[in-house]
């Protein structure tokens, strides 16, 4: 089976925590250690990589953040954005 590349936009919202940074930093750290293409932003992080590796890393990152307290993780998945150069449709 051919591996598929996906992109994910992920945002983490720590709830009822006196400091928001540790949970958010934990998610970013786990994703970066995974070897995926991780692009942190001010309100969300974009992750690009092989689908199975991305899903596995999201699970571990959520569990790591949840170990620090209550959190909500919002995730948007795409198999076409951003489009890789070799996969662009030809006119």
C-alpha atoms as a PDB file:
ATOM      1  CA  UNK A   1       0.000   0.000   0.000  1.00  0.00           C
ATOM      2  CA  UNK A   2       1.328   3.433  -0.967  1.00  0.00           C
ATOM      3  CA  UNK A   3       1.899   5.785   1.952  1.00  0.00           C
ATOM      4  CA  UNK A   4      -0.114   8.984   1.862  1.00  0.00           C
ATOM      5  CA  UNK A   5       1.016  12.418   2.902  1.00  0.00           C
ATOM      6  CA  UNK A   6      -1.415  14.507   4.885  1.00  0.00           C
ATOM      7  CA  UNK A   7      -1.354  17.909   6.508  1.00  0.00           C
ATOM      8  CA  UNK A   8      -2.922  18.744   9.833  1.00  0.00           C
ATOM      9  CA  UNK A   9      -3.712  22.042  11.491  1.00  0.00           C
ATOM     10  CA  UNK A  10      -3.814  21.484  15.238  1.00  0.00           C
ATOM     11  CA  UNK A  11      -4.690  23.834  18.097  1.00  0.00           C
ATOM     12  CA  UNK A  12      -4.560  22.978  21.783  1.00  0.00           C
ATOM     13  CA  UNK A  13      -6.657  24.764  24.395  1.00  0.00           C
ATOM     14  CA  UNK A  14      -5.669  24.073  28.020  1.00  0.00           C
ATOM     15  CA  UNK A  15      -8.663  24.448  30.358  1.00  0.00           C
ATOM     16  CA  UNK A  16      -8.697  25.344  34.038  1.00  0.00           C
ATOM     17  CA  UNK A  17      -4.894  25.547  34.164  1.00  0.00           C
ATOM     18  CA  UNK A  18      -3.029  28.412  35.786  1.00  0.00           C
ATOM     19  CA  UNK A  19      -0.367  28.306  33.054  1.00  0.00           C
ATOM     20  CA  UNK A  20      -1.203  27.531  29.419  1.00  0.00           C
ATOM     21  CA  UNK A  21       2.344  27.246  28.084  1.00  0.00           C
ATOM     22  CA  UNK A  22       3.405  23.828  29.419  1.00  0.00           C
ATOM     23  CA  UNK A  23       0.607  21.868  27.727  1.00  0.00           C
ATOM     24  CA  UNK A  24       1.029  23.719  24.432  1.00  0.00           C
ATOM     25  CA  UNK A  25       4.808  23.309  24.548  1.00  0.00           C
ATOM     26  CA  UNK A  26       4.422  19.589  25.245  1.00  0.00           C
ATOM     27  CA  UNK A  27       2.332  19.097  22.091  1.00  0.00           C
ATOM     28  CA  UNK A  28       4.846  21.006  19.949  1.00  0.00           C
ATOM     29  CA  UNK A  29       7.748  19.082  21.480  1.00  0.00           C
ATOM     30  CA  UNK A  30       6.184  15.672  20.824  1.00  0.00           C
ATOM     31  CA  UNK A  31       5.383  16.592  17.220  1.00  0.00           C
ATOM     32  CA  UNK A  32       8.878  17.940  16.550  1.00  0.00           C
ATOM     33  CA  UNK A  33      10.597  14.885  18.045  1.00  0.00           C
ATOM     34  CA  UNK A  34       8.556  12.654  15.724  1.00  0.00           C
ATOM     35  CA  UNK A  35      10.509  13.876  12.696  1.00  0.00           C
ATOM     36  CA  UNK A  36       7.457  15.340  10.972  1.00  0.00           C
ATOM     37  CA  UNK A  37       7.457  18.699   9.184  1.00  0.00           C
ATOM     38  CA  UNK A  38       6.166  20.908  12.032  1.00  0.00           C
ATOM     39  CA  UNK A  39       5.350  24.582  11.457  1.00  0.00           C
ATOM     40  CA  UNK A  40       4.299  26.315  14.700  1.00  0.00           C
ATOM     41  CA  UNK A  41       2.151  29.433  14.425  1.00  0.00           C
ATOM     42  CA  UNK A  42       0.630  31.870  16.884  1.00  0.00           C
ATOM     43  CA  UNK A  43      -2.757  30.117  17.169  1.00  0.00           C
ATOM     44  CA  UNK A  44      -2.145  26.709  15.600  1.00  0.00           C
ATOM     45  CA  UNK A  45       0.536  24.393  14.292  1.00  0.00           C
ATOM     46  CA  UNK A  46       0.653  22.788  10.855  1.00  0.00           C
ATOM     47  CA  UNK A  47       2.083  19.278  10.630  1.00  0.00           C
ATOM     48  CA  UNK A  48       2.894  17.505   7.366  1.00  0.00           C
ATOM     49  CA  UNK A  49       3.921  13.905   6.963  1.00  0.00           C
ATOM     50  CA  UNK A  50       2.984  10.308   6.311  1.00  0.00           C
ATOM     51  CA  UNK A  51      -0.567   9.722   7.537  1.00  0.00           C
ATOM     52  CA  UNK A  52       0.093   6.906  10.005  1.00  0.00           C
ATOM     53  CA  UNK A  53       3.008   8.765  11.582  1.00  0.00           C
ATOM     54  CA  UNK A  54       0.929  11.961  11.874  1.00  0.00           C
ATOM     55  CA  UNK A  55      -1.977  10.130  13.542  1.00  0.00           C
ATOM     56  CA  UNK A  56       0.364   8.312  15.946  1.00  0.00           C
ATOM     57  CA  UNK A  57       2.076  11.594  16.862  1.00  0.00           C
ATOM     58  CA  UNK A  58      -1.255  13.368  17.425  1.00  0.00           C
ATOM     59  CA  UNK A  59      -2.317  10.604  19.814  1.00  0.00           C
ATOM     60  CA  UNK A  60       0.912  10.805  21.815  1.00  0.00           C
ATOM     61  CA  UNK A  61       0.881  14.607  21.866  1.00  0.00           C
ATOM     62  CA  UNK A  62      -2.727  14.701  23.089  1.00  0.00           C
ATOM     63  CA  UNK A  63      -2.013  12.158  25.816  1.00  0.00           C
ATOM     64  CA  UNK A  64       1.077  14.124  26.912  1.00  0.00           C
ATOM     65  CA  UNK A  65      -0.851  17.394  27.139  1.00  0.00           C
ATOM     66  CA  UNK A  66      -3.824  15.743  28.869  1.00  0.00           C
ATOM     67  CA  UNK A  67      -1.466  14.374  31.520  1.00  0.00           C
ATOM     68  CA  UNK A  68      -0.888  18.005  32.557  1.00  0.00           C
ATOM     69  CA  UNK A  69      -4.595  18.842  32.936  1.00  0.00           C
ATOM     70  CA  UNK A  70      -7.825  19.353  31.025  1.00  0.00           C
ATOM     71  CA  UNK A  71      -7.355  20.196  27.334  1.00  0.00           C
ATOM     72  CA  UNK A  72      -9.259  20.488  24.079  1.00  0.00           C
ATOM     73  CA  UNK A  73      -7.425  19.660  20.856  1.00  0.00           C
ATOM     74  CA  UNK A  74      -8.920  20.869  17.570  1.00  0.00           C
ATOM     75  CA  UNK A  75      -7.591  19.145  14.456  1.00  0.00           C
ATOM     76  CA  UNK A  76      -8.267  19.766  10.757  1.00  0.00           C
ATOM     77  CA  UNK A  77      -6.974  17.108   8.356  1.00  0.00           C
ATOM     78  CA  UNK A  78      -6.262  17.349   4.637  1.00  0.00           C
ATOM     79  CA  UNK A  79      -4.885  15.019   2.011  1.00  0.00           C
ATOM     80  CA  UNK A  80      -4.433  17.853  -0.493  1.00  0.00           C
ATOM     81  CA  UNK A  81      -3.410  21.054   1.319  1.00  0.00           C
ATOM     82  CA  UNK A  82      -0.700  22.048   0.968  1.00  0.00           C
ATOM     83  CA  UNK A  83      -0.364  20.363  -2.396  1.00  0.00           C
ATOM     84  CA  UNK A  84       3.055  18.883  -3.019  1.00  0.00           C
ATOM     85  CA  UNK A  85       4.651  19.959  -6.296  1.00  0.00           C
ATOM     86  CA  UNK A  86       4.716  16.449  -7.755  1.00  0.00           C
ATOM     87  CA  UNK A  87       1.019  15.956  -7.074  1.00  0.00           C
ATOM     88  CA  UNK A  88      -0.412  19.164  -8.552  1.00  0.00           C
ATOM     89  CA  UNK A  89      -3.090  18.701 -11.134  1.00  0.00           C
ATOM     90  CA  UNK A  90      -1.989  19.562 -14.627  1.00  0.00           C
ATOM     91  CA  UNK A  91      -4.166  21.876 -16.677  1.00  0.00           C
END
